[in-house]
Amino acid sequence: MNASEIKKMSTIERLQAMEAIWETLLYDETEIDSPEWHRGILEERRKKIDNGEGTFFSIGELKKRHRK
């Protein structure tokens, strides 16, 4: 399945497919290490939160920002 095939699916079908994929990953015993660059980003974000500089958005706010 590729992106163009996925785009033809309804929103409900895409969500169901995503849930099915997540379900298979959730119970997979294989450990996948995050890349080192991701660890650095998470550390930077943690420092901002600890220093009171973190910014949090609701899902609704994120959707509005993404649509602009």
N, C-alpha and C. Protein backbone atom coordinates (compact mmCIF):
# COMPACT_ATOMS: atom_id res chain seq x y z
N MET A 1 0.85 -1.17 0.00
CA MET A 1 0.00 0.00 0.00
C MET A 1 0.90 1.24 0.00
N ASN A 2 0.53 2.21 -0.83
CA ASN A 2 1.32 3.44 -0.88
C ASN A 2 0.43 4.64 -0.53
N ALA A 3 1.04 5.83 -0.50
CA ALA A 3 0.33 7.03 -0.06
C ALA A 3 -0.86 7.35 -0.95
N SER A 4 -0.74 7.16 -2.25
CA SER A 4 -1.86 7.49 -3.13
C SER A 4 -3.05 6.56 -2.88
N GLU A 5 -2.79 5.32 -2.55
CA GLU A 5 -3.88 4.39 -2.21
C GLU A 5 -4.53 4.78 -0.89
N ILE A 6 -3.71 5.20 0.05
CA ILE A 6 -4.22 5.61 1.36
C ILE A 6 -5.09 6.85 1.23
N LYS A 7 -4.70 7.78 0.36
CA LYS A 7 -5.48 9.00 0.17
C LYS A 7 -6.87 8.71 -0.38
N LYS A 8 -7.04 7.61 -1.06
CA LYS A 8 -8.35 7.23 -1.61
C LYS A 8 -9.29 6.68 -0.54
N MET A 9 -8.74 6.31 0.60
CA MET A 9 -9.54 5.75 1.68
C MET A 9 -10.31 6.86 2.38
N SER A 10 -11.43 6.51 2.98
CA SER A 10 -12.17 7.49 3.78
C SER A 10 -11.38 7.76 5.07
N THR A 11 -11.75 8.82 5.74
CA THR A 11 -11.08 9.15 7.00
C THR A 11 -11.24 8.01 8.00
N ILE A 12 -12.43 7.45 8.07
CA ILE A 12 -12.68 6.32 8.99
C ILE A 12 -11.78 5.14 8.64
N GLU A 13 -11.67 4.82 7.35
CA GLU A 13 -10.82 3.70 6.93
C GLU A 13 -9.36 3.96 7.26
N ARG A 14 -8.90 5.20 7.07
CA ARG A 14 -7.51 5.52 7.41
C ARG A 14 -7.26 5.41 8.91
N LEU A 15 -8.21 5.88 9.71
CA LEU A 15 -8.07 5.77 11.16
C LEU A 15 -8.07 4.31 11.60
N GLN A 16 -8.92 3.50 11.00
CA GLN A 16 -8.97 2.08 11.34
C GLN A 16 -7.66 1.39 10.96
N ALA A 17 -7.11 1.74 9.81
CA ALA A 17 -5.83 1.16 9.38
C ALA A 17 -4.72 1.58 10.34
N MET A 18 -4.73 2.85 10.73
CA MET A 18 -3.72 3.36 11.64
C MET A 18 -3.81 2.65 12.99
N GLU A 19 -5.03 2.46 13.48
CA GLU A 19 -5.22 1.75 14.75
C GLU A 19 -4.73 0.31 14.65
N ALA A 20 -4.99 -0.34 13.53
CA ALA A 20 -4.55 -1.73 13.35
C ALA A 20 -3.02 -1.81 13.33
N ILE A 21 -2.39 -0.87 12.65
CA ILE A 21 -0.92 -0.85 12.61
C ILE A 21 -0.37 -0.59 14.00
N TRP A 22 -0.95 0.38 14.71
CA TRP A 22 -0.49 0.69 16.06
C TRP A 22 -0.63 -0.53 16.97
N GLU A 23 -1.74 -1.23 16.83
CA GLU A 23 -1.99 -2.43 17.64
C GLU A 23 -0.89 -3.47 17.42
N THR A 24 -0.46 -3.65 16.18
CA THR A 24 0.60 -4.63 15.91
C THR A 24 1.94 -4.17 16.47
N LEU A 25 2.19 -2.87 16.45
CA LEU A 25 3.45 -2.34 16.99
C LEU A 25 3.46 -2.37 18.51
N LEU A 26 2.31 -2.13 19.10
CA LEU A 26 2.20 -2.06 20.55
C LEU A 26 2.62 -3.35 21.23
N TYR A 27 2.26 -4.47 20.63
CA TYR A 27 2.55 -5.76 21.25
C TYR A 27 3.74 -6.47 20.62
N ASP A 28 4.47 -5.78 19.77
CA ASP A 28 5.67 -6.34 19.16
C ASP A 28 6.79 -6.31 20.20
N GLU A 29 7.43 -7.42 20.40
CA GLU A 29 8.48 -7.53 21.41
C GLU A 29 9.80 -6.89 20.97
N THR A 30 9.91 -6.55 19.71
CA THR A 30 11.14 -5.97 19.19
C THR A 30 11.33 -4.56 19.73
N GLU A 31 12.50 -4.30 20.27
CA GLU A 31 12.82 -2.96 20.76
C GLU A 31 13.40 -2.14 19.62
N ILE A 32 12.88 -0.95 19.45
CA ILE A 32 13.40 -0.04 18.44
C ILE A 32 13.97 1.17 19.17
N ASP A 33 15.27 1.37 19.03
CA ASP A 33 15.91 2.50 19.69
C ASP A 33 15.63 3.78 18.92
N SER A 34 15.35 4.84 19.66
CA SER A 34 15.19 6.14 19.03
C SER A 34 16.56 6.61 18.55
N PRO A 35 16.59 7.35 17.44
CA PRO A 35 17.87 7.87 16.98
C PRO A 35 18.43 8.90 17.96
N GLU A 36 19.72 9.07 17.96
CA GLU A 36 20.38 9.97 18.90
C GLU A 36 19.88 11.41 18.76
N TRP A 37 19.62 11.85 17.52
CA TRP A 37 19.14 13.22 17.32
C TRP A 37 17.80 13.44 18.03
N HIS A 38 16.98 12.40 18.11
CA HIS A 38 15.68 12.52 18.77
C HIS A 38 15.86 12.68 20.27
N ARG A 39 16.82 11.96 20.81
CA ARG A 39 17.12 12.06 22.25
C ARG A 39 17.51 13.51 22.60
N GLY A 40 18.31 14.12 21.72
CA GLY A 40 18.73 15.51 21.94
C GLY A 40 17.56 16.47 21.95
N ILE A 41 16.63 16.29 21.04
CA ILE A 41 15.44 17.14 20.98
C ILE A 41 14.61 16.99 22.25
N LEU A 42 14.43 15.74 22.69
CA LEU A 42 13.65 15.51 23.91
C LEU A 42 14.33 16.14 25.13
N GLU A 43 15.66 16.08 25.19
CA GLU A 43 16.39 16.70 26.30
C GLU A 43 16.21 18.21 26.30
N GLU A 44 16.26 18.83 25.11
CA GLU A 44 16.05 20.28 25.01
C GLU A 44 14.65 20.65 25.48
N ARG A 45 13.67 19.88 25.09
CA ARG A 45 12.29 20.15 25.49
C ARG A 45 12.11 19.98 27.00
N ARG A 46 12.74 18.95 27.56
CA ARG A 46 12.66 18.72 29.01
C ARG A 46 13.27 19.90 29.76
N LYS A 47 14.40 20.43 29.28
CA LYS A 47 15.03 21.59 29.92
C LYS A 47 14.10 22.79 29.90
N LYS A 48 13.43 23.03 28.76
CA LYS A 48 12.50 24.15 28.66
C LYS A 48 11.36 24.00 29.67
N ILE A 49 10.85 22.79 29.79
CA ILE A 49 9.76 22.54 30.75
C ILE A 49 10.26 22.78 32.17
N ASP A 50 11.44 22.25 32.49
CA ASP A 50 12.01 22.41 33.83
C ASP A 50 12.27 23.87 34.17
N ASN A 51 12.61 24.68 33.16
CA ASN A 51 12.89 26.10 33.36
C ASN A 51 11.64 26.97 33.26
N GLY A 52 10.49 26.35 33.09
CA GLY A 52 9.25 27.10 32.97
C GLY A 52 9.07 27.78 31.63
N GLU A 53 9.83 27.35 30.62
CA GLU A 53 9.77 27.97 29.30
C GLU A 53 9.02 27.11 28.29
N GLY A 54 8.49 25.99 28.73
CA GLY A 54 7.79 25.09 27.82
C GLY A 54 6.45 25.67 27.40
N THR A 55 6.07 25.41 26.16
CA THR A 55 4.79 25.86 25.63
C THR A 55 3.95 24.64 25.31
N PHE A 56 2.72 24.64 25.76
CA PHE A 56 1.84 23.50 25.55
C PHE A 56 0.62 23.96 24.75
N PHE A 57 0.16 23.10 23.86
CA PHE A 57 -0.98 23.41 23.01
C PHE A 57 -2.00 22.28 23.12
N SER A 58 -3.27 22.64 23.02
CA SER A 58 -4.32 21.62 22.96
C SER A 58 -4.33 21.03 21.55
N ILE A 59 -4.99 19.91 21.39
CA ILE A 59 -5.11 19.30 20.06
C ILE A 59 -5.79 20.28 19.10
N GLY A 60 -6.82 20.98 19.58
CA GLY A 60 -7.52 21.96 18.75
C GLY A 60 -6.59 23.07 18.28
N GLU A 61 -5.75 23.56 19.18
CA GLU A 61 -4.79 24.61 18.81
C GLU A 61 -3.79 24.11 17.78
N LEU A 62 -3.33 22.89 17.96
CA LEU A 62 -2.37 22.32 17.01
C LEU A 62 -2.99 22.17 15.63
N LYS A 63 -4.25 21.74 15.59
CA LYS A 63 -4.94 21.60 14.30
C LYS A 63 -5.06 22.95 13.60
N LYS A 64 -5.42 23.99 14.35
CA LYS A 64 -5.53 25.33 13.77
C LYS A 64 -4.19 25.80 13.22
N ARG A 65 -3.12 25.58 13.97
CA ARG A 65 -1.79 26.00 13.53
C ARG A 65 -1.36 25.23 12.29
N HIS A 66 -1.71 23.96 12.23
CA HIS A 66 -1.31 23.12 11.10
C HIS A 66 -2.04 23.51 9.82
N ARG A 67 -3.27 23.96 9.95
CA ARG A 67 -4.09 24.29 8.78
C ARG A 67 -3.71 25.62 8.15
N LYS A 68 -2.98 26.45 8.85
CA LYS A 68 -2.62 27.78 8.32
C LYS A 68 -1.63 27.68 7.20
